[in-house]
């Protein structure tokens, strides 16, 4: 358990995405590049597939880099993932790190499938946790207009209010509605702020 100085060493860097000509401005914190940031509950994350594919938001506020950019980056070089969550009830920050992080392509087979391994941290391993509805590792991405979860007839993005790598709707979602905004592997840990960051191995 620890506290994070949220603005510490928070600088703007320009990242070149493979196959794309113009560098993308992103925030870097101690060498970690922010690919997702959520500050509170005012932004509506229940967006369609095209938005999550292309990216949206502001690097100084609520932000999602985009699944296609993540695929291009993580397919070109080996990356690590760091997830930081601020628990709602205590305002304490926790972190989860994965030594390997990759997003597969967006074709009909993979649908931007998530691949992680090598967990460490104090937030709990929600992405590989094997509870009810857990195990997000090797799961396809789901949005309100693109149902790729394992629940059956229902769309987790519709019921949870945000797109994610849903297995059966439970355990972790950093884009969900207030009632489902959670990182759950160490008990119900509802979240008020979060960010996901990557760094080269």
Protein backbone atom coordinates (compact mmCIF):
# COMPACT_ATOMS: atom_id res chain seq x y z
CA UNK A 1 0.00 0.00 0.00
CA UNK A 2 1.41 3.41 -0.89
CA UNK A 3 0.55 6.93 -1.93
CA UNK A 4 1.42 8.32 -5.35
CA UNK A 5 2.24 11.95 -6.06
CA UNK A 6 -0.03 12.03 -9.07
CA UNK A 7 1.72 14.89 -10.91
CA UNK A 8 5.29 13.85 -10.01
CA UNK A 9 7.64 13.66 -13.01
CA UNK A 10 4.61 13.92 -15.30
CA UNK A 11 6.06 15.04 -18.64
CA UNK A 12 4.87 15.07 -22.26
CA UNK A 13 6.74 12.82 -24.68
CA UNK A 14 6.22 12.11 -28.38
CA UNK A 15 5.90 8.44 -29.25
CA UNK A 16 6.25 7.08 -32.78
CA UNK A 17 3.64 4.42 -33.54
CA UNK A 18 4.82 1.80 -36.09
CA UNK A 19 3.33 2.37 -39.59
CA UNK A 20 2.05 5.84 -38.55
CA UNK A 21 3.89 8.94 -39.73
CA UNK A 22 3.16 11.53 -37.05
CA UNK A 23 4.43 11.05 -33.46
CA UNK A 24 1.72 10.95 -30.78
CA UNK A 25 2.02 13.23 -27.70
CA UNK A 26 1.57 11.23 -24.49
CA UNK A 27 2.24 11.66 -20.79
CA UNK A 28 5.17 9.87 -19.17
CA UNK A 29 5.54 9.21 -15.44
CA UNK A 30 8.98 7.97 -14.35
CA UNK A 31 9.47 6.42 -17.79
CA UNK A 32 6.00 4.80 -17.92
CA UNK A 33 3.80 5.94 -20.84
CA UNK A 34 0.15 6.53 -19.90
CA UNK A 35 -2.22 4.66 -22.25
CA UNK A 36 -5.39 5.03 -20.16
CA UNK A 37 -6.33 7.57 -17.53
CA UNK A 38 -9.61 8.03 -15.70
CA UNK A 39 -10.21 10.86 -13.27
CA UNK A 40 -13.46 10.44 -11.34
CA UNK A 41 -16.89 9.77 -12.81
CA UNK A 42 -17.85 12.66 -15.09
CA UNK A 43 -16.70 11.24 -18.44
CA UNK A 44 -19.02 8.81 -20.25
CA UNK A 45 -16.90 5.76 -21.16
CA UNK A 46 -19.78 3.83 -22.74
CA UNK A 47 -18.54 4.45 -26.28
CA UNK A 48 -18.63 2.41 -29.47
CA UNK A 49 -15.93 0.09 -30.85
CA UNK A 50 -14.56 2.68 -33.31
CA UNK A 51 -13.77 5.10 -30.47
CA UNK A 52 -11.93 2.48 -28.45
CA UNK A 53 -10.08 1.34 -31.56
CA UNK A 54 -8.93 4.84 -32.53
CA UNK A 55 -8.55 6.41 -29.10
CA UNK A 56 -10.13 9.44 -27.45
CA UNK A 57 -9.88 12.02 -24.70
CA UNK A 58 -7.11 14.34 -23.52
CA UNK A 59 -3.74 13.27 -22.15
CA UNK A 60 -4.30 15.81 -19.35
CA UNK A 61 -7.69 14.36 -18.37
CA UNK A 62 -9.73 11.23 -19.21
CA UNK A 63 -7.86 9.38 -21.93
CA UNK A 64 -7.69 6.16 -23.96
CA UNK A 65 -4.79 5.75 -26.41
CA UNK A 66 -6.61 3.36 -28.74
CA UNK A 67 -6.54 -0.40 -29.32
CA UNK A 68 -4.97 -0.19 -32.77
CA UNK A 69 -2.09 1.95 -31.52
CA UNK A 70 -1.62 -0.42 -28.58
CA UNK A 71 -1.54 -3.38 -30.95
CA UNK A 72 1.03 -1.70 -33.20
CA UNK A 73 3.23 -0.73 -30.24
CA UNK A 74 3.12 -4.01 -28.35
CA UNK A 75 3.58 -6.10 -31.48
CA UNK A 76 6.71 -4.20 -32.48
CA UNK A 77 8.61 -4.46 -29.16
CA UNK A 78 8.15 -6.22 -25.79
CA UNK A 79 6.31 -4.04 -23.26
CA UNK A 80 5.43 -4.21 -19.58
CA UNK A 81 2.12 -2.99 -18.12
CA UNK A 82 1.51 -1.09 -14.90
CA UNK A 83 -2.00 -0.50 -13.54
CA UNK A 84 -2.56 2.04 -10.75
CA UNK A 85 -5.90 2.31 -8.97
CA UNK A 86 -7.09 4.61 -6.19
CA UNK A 87 -9.55 2.87 -3.90
CA UNK A 88 -12.79 4.77 -3.42
CA UNK A 89 -13.32 4.22 0.31
CA UNK A 90 -9.77 4.99 1.52
CA UNK A 91 -8.25 7.10 -1.31
CA UNK A 92 -5.17 4.87 -1.10
CA UNK A 93 -3.35 3.96 -4.29
CA UNK A 94 -2.39 0.40 -5.28
CA UNK A 95 -0.47 -0.96 -8.25
CA UNK A 96 -0.27 -4.10 -10.37
CA UNK A 97 2.61 -4.73 -12.77
CA UNK A 98 2.82 -7.32 -15.54
CA UNK A 99 6.19 -8.18 -17.02
CA UNK A 100 4.66 -8.90 -20.42
CA UNK A 101 1.78 -7.03 -22.11
CA UNK A 102 0.49 -7.39 -25.65
CA UNK A 103 -2.66 -6.48 -27.56
CA UNK A 104 -3.37 -8.74 -30.54
CA UNK A 105 -4.76 -7.39 -33.82
CA UNK A 106 -8.35 -6.41 -34.43
CA UNK A 107 -9.26 -9.10 -36.94
CA UNK A 108 -12.23 -11.42 -36.48
CA UNK A 109 -10.11 -14.02 -34.67
CA UNK A 110 -8.39 -11.80 -32.09
CA UNK A 111 -10.53 -8.65 -31.66
CA UNK A 112 -7.67 -6.91 -29.79
CA UNK A 113 -7.20 -9.82 -27.40
CA UNK A 114 -5.36 -9.02 -24.15
CA UNK A 115 -2.21 -10.97 -23.22
CA UNK A 116 -0.40 -10.42 -19.91
CA UNK A 117 1.96 -12.42 -17.70
CA UNK A 118 4.34 -12.01 -14.77
CA UNK A 119 2.32 -10.20 -12.07
CA UNK A 120 3.74 -8.29 -9.09
CA UNK A 121 2.31 -5.55 -6.86
CA UNK A 122 -0.16 -4.87 -4.06
CA UNK A 123 -3.36 -4.24 -6.05
CA UNK A 124 -4.00 -7.93 -6.74
CA UNK A 125 -3.83 -9.77 -10.04
CA UNK A 126 -7.29 -8.98 -11.40
CA UNK A 127 -6.37 -9.67 -15.03
CA UNK A 128 -5.42 -13.31 -14.39
CA UNK A 129 -7.62 -14.00 -11.37
CA UNK A 130 -9.68 -17.18 -11.76
CA UNK A 131 -12.83 -16.18 -9.87
CA UNK A 132 -16.39 -15.98 -11.20
CA UNK A 133 -16.27 -13.90 -14.34
CA UNK A 134 -12.54 -13.38 -13.96
CA UNK A 135 -9.60 -14.30 -16.17
CA UNK A 136 -9.34 -11.36 -18.57
CA UNK A 137 -6.08 -12.71 -19.96
CA UNK A 138 -6.49 -13.93 -23.57
CA UNK A 139 -9.97 -12.34 -23.71
CA UNK A 140 -11.24 -10.31 -26.67
CA UNK A 141 -12.31 -6.67 -26.30
CA UNK A 142 -16.01 -5.84 -26.04
CA UNK A 143 -17.83 -2.53 -26.65
CA UNK A 144 -21.52 -1.65 -26.70
CA UNK A 145 -21.72 -2.37 -30.44
CA UNK A 146 -19.23 -5.28 -30.51
CA UNK A 147 -20.05 -8.17 -28.18
CA UNK A 148 -17.02 -10.47 -27.83
CA UNK A 149 -17.40 -11.52 -24.18
CA UNK A 150 -18.04 -15.04 -22.91
CA UNK A 151 -21.36 -14.34 -21.19
CA UNK A 152 -23.65 -15.57 -23.94
CA UNK A 153 -26.59 -13.44 -25.07
CA UNK A 154 -25.92 -10.37 -22.89
CA UNK A 155 -23.32 -7.72 -23.66
CA UNK A 156 -21.16 -6.87 -20.63
CA UNK A 157 -20.34 -3.42 -22.03
CA UNK A 158 -24.05 -2.54 -22.11
CA UNK A 159 -24.77 -3.75 -18.59
CA UNK A 160 -21.56 -2.40 -17.04
CA UNK A 161 -21.46 0.93 -18.86
CA UNK A 162 -18.02 0.75 -20.48
CA UNK A 163 -15.90 -1.27 -22.91
CA UNK A 164 -13.31 -3.79 -21.62
CA UNK A 165 -11.76 -7.24 -22.02
CA UNK A 166 -14.79 -8.91 -20.46
CA UNK A 167 -14.97 -12.59 -19.70
CA UNK A 168 -18.31 -12.66 -17.88
CA UNK A 169 -18.63 -9.04 -16.72
CA UNK A 170 -17.07 -9.32 -13.25
CA UNK A 171 -13.90 -8.62 -11.28
CA UNK A 172 -12.20 -5.74 -13.08
CA UNK A 173 -13.17 -2.82 -15.30
CA UNK A 174 -11.48 0.58 -15.46
CA UNK A 175 -13.97 2.09 -17.93
CA UNK A 176 -17.21 0.93 -16.32
CA UNK A 177 -20.05 2.87 -14.72
CA UNK A 178 -19.56 4.04 -11.12
CA UNK A 179 -21.26 0.93 -9.70
CA UNK A 180 -18.91 -1.42 -11.60
CA UNK A 181 -15.68 0.63 -11.66
CA UNK A 182 -13.52 -1.90 -9.83
CA UNK A 183 -10.29 -3.85 -9.45
CA UNK A 184 -11.57 -6.82 -7.54
CA UNK A 185 -9.04 -9.60 -6.99
CA UNK A 186 -8.39 -8.72 -3.32
CA UNK A 187 -12.04 -8.29 -2.38
CA UNK A 188 -14.38 -5.59 -3.65
CA UNK A 189 -12.08 -2.69 -4.39
CA UNK A 190 -14.11 0.07 -6.00
CA UNK A 191 -12.04 2.70 -7.78
CA UNK A 192 -12.17 6.49 -7.96
CA UNK A 193 -9.15 7.14 -10.22
CA UNK A 194 -7.02 4.88 -12.37
CA UNK A 195 -4.39 4.73 -15.06
CA UNK A 196 -2.67 2.11 -17.19
CA UNK A 197 0.91 2.62 -18.34
CA UNK A 198 3.44 0.76 -20.47
CA UNK A 199 7.23 0.63 -20.58
CA UNK A 200 9.69 -1.29 -22.73
CA UNK A 201 11.01 -4.45 -21.07
